Amino acid sequence: SSDPAFFFDYNAFAPEPTLGAVMGGRSQRLSALTSKAMPHTQIQPSVEISGGDLGKLTGFSPVDQGKAMPGLTYKGAAPDIGVAEK
């Protein structure tokens, strides 16, 4: 897909009423992105970064929650969300 959201979908965020992104020149709230442009991105009430390490997320399982892309190697059914493939 040529849509920029395709490359950034498959994420997890804690609920934050002011969190958003600029896409296509427009500012959008996270809740609008997850329901429209980024339907595979999740808002998880208890997701946290443990010890400031982006590879250690707590509050949900990132395992096999990502999107397979050409040239990306992974273990399991799909890539993990985050920076550390487990």
PDB file of N, CA and C in Angstrom:
ATOM      1  N   SER A   1       0.839  -1.187   0.000  1.00  0.00           N
ATOM      2  CA  SER A   1       0.000   0.000   0.000  1.00  0.00           C
ATOM      3  C   SER A   1       0.883   1.249   0.000  1.00  0.00           C
ATOM      4  N   SER A   2       0.437   2.305  -0.650  1.00  0.00           N
ATOM      5  CA  SER A   2       1.185   3.556  -0.667  1.00  0.00           C
ATOM      6  C   SER A   2       0.747   4.489   0.456  1.00  0.00           C
ATOM      7  N   ASP A   3      -0.279   4.122   1.206  1.00  0.00           N
ATOM      8  CA  ASP A   3      -0.762   4.930   2.317  1.00  0.00           C
ATOM      9  C   ASP A   3       0.268   4.885   3.443  1.00  0.00           C
ATOM     10  N   PRO A   4       0.751   6.054   3.916  1.00  0.00           N
ATOM     11  CA  PRO A   4       1.759   6.056   4.980  1.00  0.00           C
ATOM     12  C   PRO A   4       1.308   5.331   6.246  1.00  0.00           C
ATOM     13  N   ALA A   5       0.026   5.322   6.518  1.00  0.00           N
ATOM     14  CA  ALA A   5      -0.483   4.656   7.725  1.00  0.00           C
ATOM     15  C   ALA A   5      -0.199   3.161   7.692  1.00  0.00           C
ATOM     16  N   PHE A   6      -0.107   2.576   6.504  1.00  0.00           N
ATOM     17  CA  PHE A   6       0.168   1.147   6.380  1.00  0.00           C
ATOM     18  C   PHE A   6       1.464   0.775   7.090  1.00  0.00           C
ATOM     19  N   PHE A   7       2.471   1.628   6.993  1.00  0.00           N
ATOM     20  CA  PHE A   7       3.772   1.336   7.581  1.00  0.00           C
ATOM     21  C   PHE A   7       3.810   1.558   9.088  1.00  0.00           C
ATOM     22  N   PHE A   8       2.854   2.291   9.622  1.00  0.00           N
ATOM     23  CA  PHE A   8       2.847   2.599  11.047  1.00  0.00           C
ATOM     24  C   PHE A   8       1.689   1.949  11.785  1.00  0.00           C
ATOM     25  N   ASP A   9       0.884   1.174  11.106  1.00  0.00           N
ATOM     26  CA  ASP A   9      -0.217   0.461  11.747  1.00  0.00           C
ATOM     27  C   ASP A   9       0.391  -0.691  12.549  1.00  0.00           C
ATOM     28  N   TYR A  10      -0.411  -1.404  13.295  1.00  0.00           N
ATOM     29  CA  TYR A  10       0.040  -2.510  14.134  1.00  0.00           C
ATOM     30  C   TYR A  10       0.916  -1.989  15.285  1.00  0.00           C
ATOM     31  N   ASN A  11       0.349  -1.114  16.087  1.00  0.00           N
ATOM     32  CA  ASN A  11       1.001  -0.560  17.268  1.00  0.00           C
ATOM     33  C   ASN A  11       0.086  -0.730  18.463  1.00  0.00           C
ATOM     34  N   ALA A  12       0.600  -0.415  19.627  1.00  0.00           N
ATOM     35  CA  ALA A  12      -0.201  -0.408  20.845  1.00  0.00           C
ATOM     36  C   ALA A  12       0.140   0.843  21.641  1.00  0.00           C
ATOM     37  N   PHE A  13      -0.881   1.518  22.128  1.00  0.00           N
ATOM     38  CA  PHE A  13      -0.709   2.739  22.901  1.00  0.00           C
ATOM     39  C   PHE A  13      -1.562   2.675  24.153  1.00  0.00           C
ATOM     40  N   ALA A  14      -1.109   3.335  25.202  1.00  0.00           N
ATOM     41  CA  ALA A  14      -1.941   3.534  26.383  1.00  0.00           C
ATOM     42  C   ALA A  14      -2.930   4.652  26.049  1.00  0.00           C
ATOM     43  N   PRO A  15      -4.097   4.645  26.668  1.00  0.00           N
ATOM     44  CA  PRO A  15      -5.065   5.722  26.390  1.00  0.00           C
ATOM     45  C   PRO A  15      -4.496   7.078  26.793  1.00  0.00           C
ATOM     46  N   GLU A  16      -4.538   8.020  25.901  1.00  0.00           N
ATOM     47  CA  GLU A  16      -4.050   9.371  26.171  1.00  0.00           C
ATOM     48  C   GLU A  16      -4.908  10.313  25.353  1.00  0.00           C
ATOM     49  N   PRO A  17      -5.740  11.108  26.010  1.00  0.00           N
ATOM     50  CA  PRO A  17      -6.695  11.939  25.266  1.00  0.00           C
ATOM     51  C   PRO A  17      -6.067  12.954  24.331  1.00  0.00           C
ATOM     52  N   THR A  18      -4.822  13.345  24.567  1.00  0.00           N
ATOM     53  CA  THR A  18      -4.203  14.355  23.709  1.00  0.00           C
ATOM     54  C   THR A  18      -3.258  13.763  22.674  1.00  0.00           C
ATOM     55  N   LEU A  19      -3.056  12.435  22.686  1.00  0.00           N
ATOM     56  CA  LEU A  19      -2.135  11.811  21.744  1.00  0.00           C
ATOM     57  C   LEU A  19      -2.746  11.751  20.350  1.00  0.00           C
ATOM     58  N   GLY A  20      -1.960  12.106  19.360  1.00  0.00           N
ATOM     59  CA  GLY A  20      -2.440  12.070  17.989  1.00  0.00           C
ATOM     60  C   GLY A  20      -1.278  12.076  17.026  1.00  0.00           C
ATOM     61  N   ALA A  21      -1.583  12.287  15.765  1.00  0.00           N
ATOM     62  CA  ALA A  21      -0.559  12.300  14.731  1.00  0.00           C
ATOM     63  C   ALA A  21      -1.013  13.208  13.604  1.00  0.00           C
ATOM     64  N   VAL A  22      -0.056  13.667  12.817  1.00  0.00           N
ATOM     65  CA  VAL A  22      -0.372  14.444  11.618  1.00  0.00           C
ATOM     66  C   VAL A  22      -0.226  13.504  10.445  1.00  0.00           C
ATOM     67  N   MET A  23      -1.317  13.286   9.728  1.00  0.00           N
ATOM     68  CA  MET A  23      -1.307  12.414   8.554  1.00  0.00           C
ATOM     69  C   MET A  23      -2.026  13.132   7.428  1.00  0.00           C
ATOM     70  N   GLY A  24      -1.412  13.163   6.272  1.00  0.00           N
ATOM     71  CA  GLY A  24      -2.020  13.837   5.135  1.00  0.00           C
ATOM     72  C   GLY A  24      -2.218  15.323   5.373  1.00  0.00           C
ATOM     73  N   GLY A  25      -1.343  15.916   6.211  1.00  0.00           N
ATOM     74  CA  GLY A  25      -1.447  17.343   6.494  1.00  0.00           C
ATOM     75  C   GLY A  25      -2.491  17.694   7.531  1.00  0.00           C
ATOM     76  N   ARG A  26      -3.154  16.687   8.097  1.00  0.00           N
ATOM     77  CA  ARG A  26      -4.199  16.942   9.101  1.00  0.00           C
ATOM     78  C   ARG A  26      -3.833  16.290  10.426  1.00  0.00           C
ATOM     79  N   SER A  27      -4.130  16.987  11.509  1.00  0.00           N
ATOM     80  CA  SER A  27      -3.920  16.432  12.842  1.00  0.00           C
ATOM     81  C   SER A  27      -5.122  15.560  13.201  1.00  0.00           C
ATOM     82  N   GLN A  28      -4.843  14.350  13.692  1.00  0.00           N
ATOM     83  CA  GLN A  28      -5.915  13.431  14.048  1.00  0.00           C
ATOM     84  C   GLN A  28      -5.648  12.851  15.428  1.00  0.00           C
ATOM     85  N   ARG A  29      -6.702  12.703  16.214  1.00  0.00           N
ATOM     86  CA  ARG A  29      -6.565  12.061  17.521  1.00  0.00           C
ATOM     87  C   ARG A  29      -6.344  10.568  17.339  1.00  0.00           C
ATOM     88  N   LEU A  30      -5.689   9.958  18.313  1.00  0.00           N
ATOM     89  CA  LEU A  30      -5.388   8.530  18.247  1.00  0.00           C
ATOM     90  C   LEU A  30      -6.654   7.693  18.077  1.00  0.00           C
ATOM     91  N   SER A  31      -7.726   8.041  18.771  1.00  0.00           N
ATOM     92  CA  SER A  31      -8.958   7.257  18.669  1.00  0.00           C
ATOM     93  C   SER A  31      -9.507   7.275  17.240  1.00  0.00           C
ATOM     94  N   ALA A  32      -9.357   8.388  16.526  1.00  0.00           N
ATOM     95  CA  ALA A  32      -9.809   8.454  15.130  1.00  0.00           C
ATOM     96  C   ALA A  32      -8.904   7.619  14.236  1.00  0.00           C
ATOM     97  N   LEU A  33      -7.608   7.625  14.507  1.00  0.00           N
ATOM     98  CA  LEU A  33      -6.677   6.834  13.700  1.00  0.00           C
ATOM     99  C   LEU A  33      -6.951   5.343  13.844  1.00  0.00           C
ATOM    100  N   THR A  34      -7.214   4.878  15.062  1.00  0.00           N
ATOM    101  CA  THR A  34      -7.411   3.448  15.270  1.00  0.00           C
ATOM    102  C   THR A  34      -8.713   2.962  14.650  1.00  0.00           C
ATOM    103  N   SER A  35      -9.685   3.835  14.503  1.00  0.00           N
ATOM    104  CA  SER A  35     -10.946   3.397  13.918  1.00  0.00           C
ATOM    105  C   SER A  35     -10.979   3.569  12.401  1.00  0.00           C
ATOM    106  N   LYS A  36     -10.069   4.374  11.837  1.00  0.00           N
ATOM    107  CA  LYS A  36     -10.106   4.643  10.393  1.00  0.00           C
ATOM    108  C   LYS A  36      -8.787   4.284   9.716  1.00  0.00           C
ATOM    109  N   ALA A  37      -7.793   5.164   9.815  1.00  0.00           N
ATOM    110  CA  ALA A  37      -6.552   5.013   9.061  1.00  0.00           C
ATOM    111  C   ALA A  37      -5.663   3.881   9.559  1.00  0.00           C
ATOM    112  N   MET A  38      -5.751   3.552  10.845  1.00  0.00           N
ATOM    113  CA  MET A  38      -4.875   2.539  11.427  1.00  0.00           C
ATOM    114  C   MET A  38      -5.708   1.521  12.219  1.00  0.00           C
ATOM    115  N   PRO A  39      -6.510   0.732  11.539  1.00  0.00           N
ATOM    116  CA  PRO A  39      -7.438  -0.164  12.233  1.00  0.00           C
ATOM    117  C   PRO A  39      -6.782  -1.296  13.015  1.00  0.00           C
ATOM    118  N   HIS A  40      -5.504  -1.577  12.766  1.00  0.00           N
ATOM    119  CA  HIS A  40      -4.822  -2.646  13.495  1.00  0.00           C
ATOM    120  C   HIS A  40      -4.057  -2.134  14.708  1.00  0.00           C
ATOM    121  N   THR A  41      -4.039  -0.821  14.898  1.00  0.00           N
ATOM    122  CA  THR A  41      -3.403  -0.233  16.073  1.00  0.00           C
ATOM    123  C   THR A  41      -4.367  -0.336  17.249  1.00  0.00           C
ATOM    124  N   GLN A  42      -3.809  -0.692  18.401  1.00  0.00           N
ATOM    125  CA  GLN A  42      -4.630  -0.950  19.585  1.00  0.00           C
ATOM    126  C   GLN A  42      -4.424   0.119  20.649  1.00  0.00           C
ATOM    127  N   ILE A  43      -5.506   0.464  21.337  1.00  0.00           N
ATOM    128  CA  ILE A  43      -5.416   1.271  22.544  1.00  0.00           C
ATOM    129  C   ILE A  43      -5.614   0.296  23.692  1.00  0.00           C
ATOM    130  N   GLN A  44      -4.564   0.085  24.478  1.00  0.00           N
ATOM    131  CA  GLN A  44      -4.583  -0.880  25.580  1.00  0.00           C
ATOM    132  C   GLN A  44      -4.499  -0.115  26.903  1.00  0.00           C
ATOM    133  N   PRO A  45      -5.478  -0.261  27.773  1.00  0.00           N
ATOM    134  CA  PRO A  45      -5.515   0.517  29.010  1.00  0.00           C
ATOM    135  C   PRO A  45      -4.306   0.329  29.923  1.00  0.00           C
ATOM    136  N   SER A  46      -3.658  -0.822  29.852  1.00  0.00           N
ATOM    137  CA  SER A  46      -2.583  -1.074  30.815  1.00  0.00           C
ATOM    138  C   SER A  46      -1.201  -1.227  30.177  1.00  0.00           C
ATOM    139  N   VAL A  47      -1.040  -0.860  28.908  1.00  0.00           N
ATOM    140  CA  VAL A  47       0.274  -1.007  28.276  1.00  0.00           C
ATOM    141  C   VAL A  47       1.243   0.026  28.850  1.00  0.00           C
ATOM    142  N   GLU A  48       2.448  -0.452  29.167  1.00  0.00           N
ATOM    143  CA  GLU A  48       3.490   0.431  29.692  1.00  0.00           C
ATOM    144  C   GLU A  48       4.844  -0.010  29.150  1.00  0.00           C
ATOM    145  N   ILE A  49       5.786   0.917  29.128  1.00  0.00           N
ATOM    146  CA  ILE A  49       7.167   0.620  28.785  1.00  0.00           C
ATOM    147  C   ILE A  49       7.886   0.353  30.096  1.00  0.00           C
ATOM    148  N   SER A  50       8.439  -0.828  30.254  1.00  0.00           N
ATOM    149  CA  SER A  50       9.085  -1.223  31.499  1.00  0.00           C
ATOM    150  C   SER A  50      10.528  -0.738  31.549  1.00  0.00           C
ATOM    151  N   GLY A  51      10.857   0.013  32.572  1.00  0.00           N
ATOM    152  CA  GLY A  51      12.227   0.467  32.774  1.00  0.00           C
ATOM    153  C   GLY A  51      12.767   1.338  31.665  1.00  0.00           C
ATOM    154  N   GLY A  52      11.908   2.008  30.915  1.00  0.00           N
ATOM    155  CA  GLY A  52      12.352   2.859  29.819  1.00  0.00           C
ATOM    156  C   GLY A  52      12.878   2.099  28.614  1.00  0.00           C
ATOM    157  N   ASP A  53      12.650   0.775  28.569  1.00  0.00           N
ATOM    158  CA  ASP A  53      13.135  -0.074  27.482  1.00  0.00           C
ATOM    159  C   ASP A  53      11.994  -0.364  26.509  1.00  0.00           C
ATOM    160  N   LEU A  54      12.073   0.167  25.295  1.00  0.00           N
ATOM    161  CA  LEU A  54      11.005  -0.029  24.306  1.00  0.00           C
ATOM    162  C   LEU A  54      10.807  -1.489  23.929  1.00  0.00           C
ATOM    163  N   GLY A  55      11.760  -2.333  24.235  1.00  0.00           N
ATOM    164  CA  GLY A  55      11.651  -3.763  23.968  1.00  0.00           C
ATOM    165  C   GLY A  55      10.944  -4.523  25.082  1.00  0.00           C
ATOM    166  N   LYS A  56      10.614  -3.828  26.152  1.00  0.00           N
ATOM    167  CA  LYS A  56       9.952  -4.478  27.292  1.00  0.00           C
ATOM    168  C   LYS A  56       8.617  -3.800  27.574  1.00  0.00           C
ATOM    169  N   LEU A  57       7.598  -4.245  26.864  1.00  0.00           N
ATOM    170  CA  LEU A  57       6.254  -3.726  27.081  1.00  0.00           C
ATOM    171  C   LEU A  57       5.523  -4.619  28.064  1.00  0.00           C
ATOM    172  N   THR A  58       4.738  -4.025  28.929  1.00  0.00           N
ATOM    173  CA  THR A  58       3.903  -4.778  29.862  1.00  0.00           C
ATOM    174  C   THR A  58       2.454  -4.360  29.676  1.00  0.00           C
ATOM    175  N   GLY A  59       1.532  -5.190  30.144  1.00  0.00           N
ATOM    176  CA  GLY A  59       0.121  -4.846  30.087  1.00  0.00           C
ATOM    177  C   GLY A  59      -0.637  -5.482  28.937  1.00  0.00           C
ATOM    178  N   PHE A  60       0.063  -6.063  27.991  1.00  0.00           N
ATOM    179  CA  PHE A  60      -0.535  -6.816  26.900  1.00  0.00           C
ATOM    180  C   PHE A  60       0.589  -7.600  26.223  1.00  0.00           C
ATOM    181  N   SER A  61       0.238  -8.583  25.430  1.00  0.00           N
ATOM    182  CA  SER A  61       1.257  -9.381  24.749  1.00  0.00           C
ATOM    183  C   SER A  61       1.464  -8.867  23.328  1.00  0.00           C
ATOM    184  N   PRO A  62       2.676  -8.386  23.001  1.00  0.00           N
ATOM    185  CA  PRO A  62       2.965  -7.925  21.651  1.00  0.00           C
ATOM    186  C   PRO A  62       3.319  -9.059  20.687  1.00  0.00           C
ATOM    187  N   VAL A  63       3.414 -10.291  21.196  1.00  0.00           N
ATOM    188  CA  VAL A  63       3.856 -11.433  20.400  1.00  0.00           C
ATOM    189  C   VAL A  63       2.880 -11.713  19.253  1.00  0.00           C
ATOM    190  N   ASP A  64       3.426 -11.791  18.045  1.00  0.00           N
ATOM    191  CA  ASP A  64       2.664 -12.112  16.825  1.00  0.00           C
ATOM    192  C   ASP A  64       1.534 -11.122  16.534  1.00  0.00           C
ATOM    193  N   GLN A  65       1.633  -9.894  16.996  1.00  0.00           N
ATOM    194  CA  GLN A  65       0.591  -8.881  16.771  1.00  0.00           C
ATOM    195  C   GLN A  65       0.928  -7.920  15.638  1.00  0.00           C
ATOM    196  N   GLY A  66       2.099  -8.093  15.010  1.00  0.00           N
ATOM    197  CA  GLY A  66       2.537  -7.179  13.964  1.00  0.00           C
ATOM    198  C   GLY A  66       2.140  -7.621  12.569  1.00  0.00           C
ATOM    199  N   LYS A  67       2.679  -6.942  11.578  1.00  0.00           N
ATOM    200  CA  LYS A  67       2.379  -7.193  10.165  1.00  0.00           C
ATOM    201  C   LYS A  67       3.649  -7.638   9.451  1.00  0.00           C
ATOM    202  N   ALA A  68       3.574  -8.774   8.765  1.00  0.00           N
ATOM    203  CA  ALA A  68       4.707  -9.253   7.973  1.00  0.00           C
ATOM    204  C   ALA A  68       4.949  -8.306   6.803  1.00  0.00           C
ATOM    205  N   MET A  69       6.230  -7.964   6.580  1.00  0.00           N
ATOM    206  CA  MET A  69       6.604  -7.083   5.477  1.00  0.00           C
ATOM    207  C   MET A  69       7.792  -7.695   4.753  1.00  0.00           C
ATOM    208  N   PRO A  70       7.921  -7.446   3.457  1.00  0.00           N
ATOM    209  CA  PRO A  70       9.041  -8.003   2.692  1.00  0.00           C
ATOM    210  C   PRO A  70      10.384  -7.628   3.313  1.00  0.00           C
ATOM    211  N   GLY A  71      11.269  -8.621   3.462  1.00  0.00           N
ATOM    212  CA  GLY A  71      12.600  -8.389   3.996  1.00  0.00           C
ATOM    213  C   GLY A  71      12.687  -8.404   5.516  1.00  0.00           C
ATOM    214  N   LEU A  72      11.569  -8.526   6.196  1.00  0.00           N
ATOM    215  CA  LEU A  72      11.549  -8.552   7.654  1.00  0.00           C
ATOM    216  C   LEU A  72      11.467  -9.995   8.129  1.00  0.00           C
ATOM    217  N   THR A  73      12.467 -10.422   8.881  1.00  0.00           N
ATOM    218  CA  THR A  73      12.431 -11.781   9.418  1.00  0.00           C
ATOM    219  C   THR A  73      11.794 -11.757  10.799  1.00  0.00           C
ATOM    220  N   TYR A  74      11.116 -12.825  11.145  1.00  0.00           N
ATOM    221  CA  TYR A  74      10.456 -12.903  12.444  1.00  0.00           C
ATOM    222  C   TYR A  74      10.241 -14.358  12.807  1.00  0.00           C
ATOM    223  N   LYS A  75       9.929 -14.600  14.069  1.00  0.00           N
ATOM    224  CA  LYS A  75       9.594 -15.929  14.571  1.00  0.00           C
ATOM    225  C   LYS A  75       8.104 -15.950  14.867  1.00  0.00           C
ATOM    226  N   GLY A  76       7.457 -17.088  14.682  1.00  0.00           N
ATOM    227  CA  GLY A  76       6.039 -17.204  15.009  1.00  0.00           C
ATOM    228  C   GLY A  76       5.141 -16.915  13.822  1.00  0.00           C
ATOM    229  N   ALA A  77       3.872 -16.652  14.107  1.00  0.00           N
ATOM    230  CA  ALA A  77       2.867 -16.440  13.069  1.00  0.00           C
ATOM    231  C   ALA A  77       2.976 -15.080  12.392  1.00  0.00           C
ATOM    232  N   ALA A  78       3.521 -14.082  13.096  1.00  0.00           N
ATOM    233  CA  ALA A  78       3.670 -12.725  12.571  1.00  0.00           C
ATOM    234  C   ALA A  78       4.740 -12.025  13.403  1.00  0.00           C
ATOM    235  N   PRO A  79       5.244 -10.886  12.933  1.00  0.00           N
ATOM    236  CA  PRO A  79       6.208 -10.148  13.752  1.00  0.00           C
ATOM    237  C   PRO A  79       5.562  -9.669  15.061  1.00  0.00           C
ATOM    238  N   ASP A  80       6.390  -9.452  16.058  1.00  0.00           N
ATOM    239  CA  ASP A  80       5.904  -8.888  17.309  1.00  0.00           C
ATOM    240  C   ASP A  80       5.798  -7.376  17.173  1.00  0.00           C
ATOM    241  N   ILE A  81       4.909  -6.761  17.924  1.00  0.00           N
ATOM    242  CA  ILE A  81       4.843  -5.297  17.983  1.00  0.00           C
ATOM    243  C   ILE A  81       5.985  -4.840  18.864  1.00  0.00           C
ATOM    244  N   GLY A  82       6.653  -3.772  18.481  1.00  0.00           N
ATOM    245  CA  GLY A  82       7.727  -3.213  19.286  1.00  0.00           C
ATOM    246  C   GLY A  82       9.073  -3.419  18.633  1.00  0.00           C
ATOM    247  N   VAL A  83      10.102  -3.098  19.369  1.00  0.00           N
ATOM    248  CA  VAL A  83      11.445  -3.125  18.797  1.00  0.00           C
ATOM    249  C   VAL A  83      12.180  -4.432  18.996  1.00  0.00           C
ATOM    250  N   ALA A  84      11.628  -5.337  19.793  1.00  0.00           N
ATOM    251  CA  ALA A  84      12.332  -6.582  20.108  1.00  0.00           C
ATOM    252  C   ALA A  84      11.508  -7.788  19.701  1.00  0.00           C
ATOM    253  N   GLU A  85      11.894  -8.434  18.609  1.00  0.00           N
ATOM    254  CA  GLU A  85      11.243  -9.670  18.177  1.00  0.00           C
ATOM    255  C   GLU A  85      11.606 -10.765  19.167  1.00  0.00           C
ATOM    256  N   LYS A  86      10.630 -11.437  19.715  1.00  0.00           N
ATOM    257  CA  LYS A  86      10.878 -12.486  20.710  1.00  0.00           C
ATOM    258  C   LYS A  86      10.657 -13.849  20.117  1.00  0.00           C
TER     259      LYS A  86
END
